[in-house]
C-alpha cells in the first residue's frame, strides 16, 4: 500500500513538471546505428530471454528468437523497401525498420511458443510480415507525406498488430493436448528476468530510434523512461496487494514493461505528467491481466494479450484523446481511431488465416506419427511431440526437464 501512496504523490508532483529541451540538439543522434544496436539487443536478448521462463524450452526461446529475427529482418527490409520506397535501397534506417517489423512477429511468437514447429514458424514469419508491411505502408500510410496516424513507438503499428495477429493464430490452432511442461522453475524465471532487464533498458531506443534528432526525439526518450518507471513501481505495488502480500514473478517479468508499450504512440507529444499517468495505467492494466488472466489464457503461452494487447489498445485510445488535452500535436483524433480499429481488424483476420495455414502444415507435413497411430487405434495426441519441450526440435542435454512420456510406434 505504501508503494501506491508514494506513487500517487509522485503523480501530483509531476503534474506541474516541464521538459528542459535546451540541450536537445546535443542528444546523441549522430548515427542511427546507436539506436539500431539498442533495438537489436531487445530482439535477440530481450525477447529471447524473456521467453525462457518455460523450464524445458530455453533453447527454443533464445534459438528460435534468433532465427525469427534474422529471417524476419531480411524479409522486412525487402518488403518494406519495395512497398514504401519503390526500390531496394538499404541504409541503417532500413535495418532499424526491419527490427521494428520483426518485433511484431516476436510478439506473436510469444503466444505460439512451444506449440509450433520450425516450419510453421518460418511460414508465420513470412506471412505475418507481408501483412504487417502492407498494413503499415498502404493502410496506415507511414511512408506518405501525411501518414494516417502518428505512432513513433509502434503502439498501434507493432504491438496491437503483433498481439492480435498472434492471438487469432493461437485461437485457431487451439490449446495443446499436453501442457505439463507449460511451466517455469526457479532457474528459468531467473533467466527470464534477464530479458525483462534488457527490454526495459533499451525500450527508449525502440520508441525514439525512428525519430529525427532534436526536441521530439529527446522528448520521446525522456517520456519512455518515465512511463517505464511508472509501470514498474505500479506493478510491484499492485502485485503484493492482489497476491496477498507476496510478489509473484510473472507480473514483474512482464507488466513492468507495459508503460513502454502504451506510451509509444504519443511519447514525443505529451508532457512528463501524461507519460507518468499512462505508465501507471498500463502497469495496473497489465498486472491485472497477468494475475486474473481473463482472456486467451488457454492458448496464450506468454501472456501477449496482457503485455502487448491491452496496453497497446490503451495507448491507442490515449492517442485518440491527446488532441483534446495537448495543443499542436499534429494528431487527428478520427484518423488515429480509424488506424487503431483498422489495424485491429487486419491483425485478427490475417492472424486467423495464418492459423488455418499452420494447421494445414501440421496435418499435411508433420502428422506422420499421428496418422500411423490412428491406423493402430491409438490416440494421436499420445505420439505427438511434447509441447513446450526443446526435445521436439533440439538435440538436448540429458538433464532437460521431462514431460509426459512419448509413445514410440
Foldseek 3Di string as FASTA:
>chain_A
DVLVVVLVVVLVVQPPDFDDQVCLLVPPPPDLVVLLVLLVCLQQQQQQLLLLQQQFCNCVSNVVSVVLLVLQLVLLQVLLCCLQVVDRDDDVVSSLVSSLLSLLLSLLCQLCALPADPVLSSLSSNLLSNLLSCLVCPVQNPNDPQGLAFFQQCLQSRLQLSNQLSLLLLVLLFFAPDCPSLGGDDVSLVSSLSSLVSCLVSLLSNQLSVDDGGLLSVQLSVLLNLLLVLLQSLLQVVCCVVVVRDRDRLLNSALSNLLSSQCRRCSSPDGNSVSNVLSNVSSVQLSCCVVVVPPSPRRGSNSSCSRRNVSSVNSLQVLLCVCVVGPPRSGDNVSSVCSNVVSNVSSNVSSNVSSVVSVCCCVPPVQPQLVVCVVVVHHSSQADDRGSHCVNPDDDDPPRDDDDDHDDD
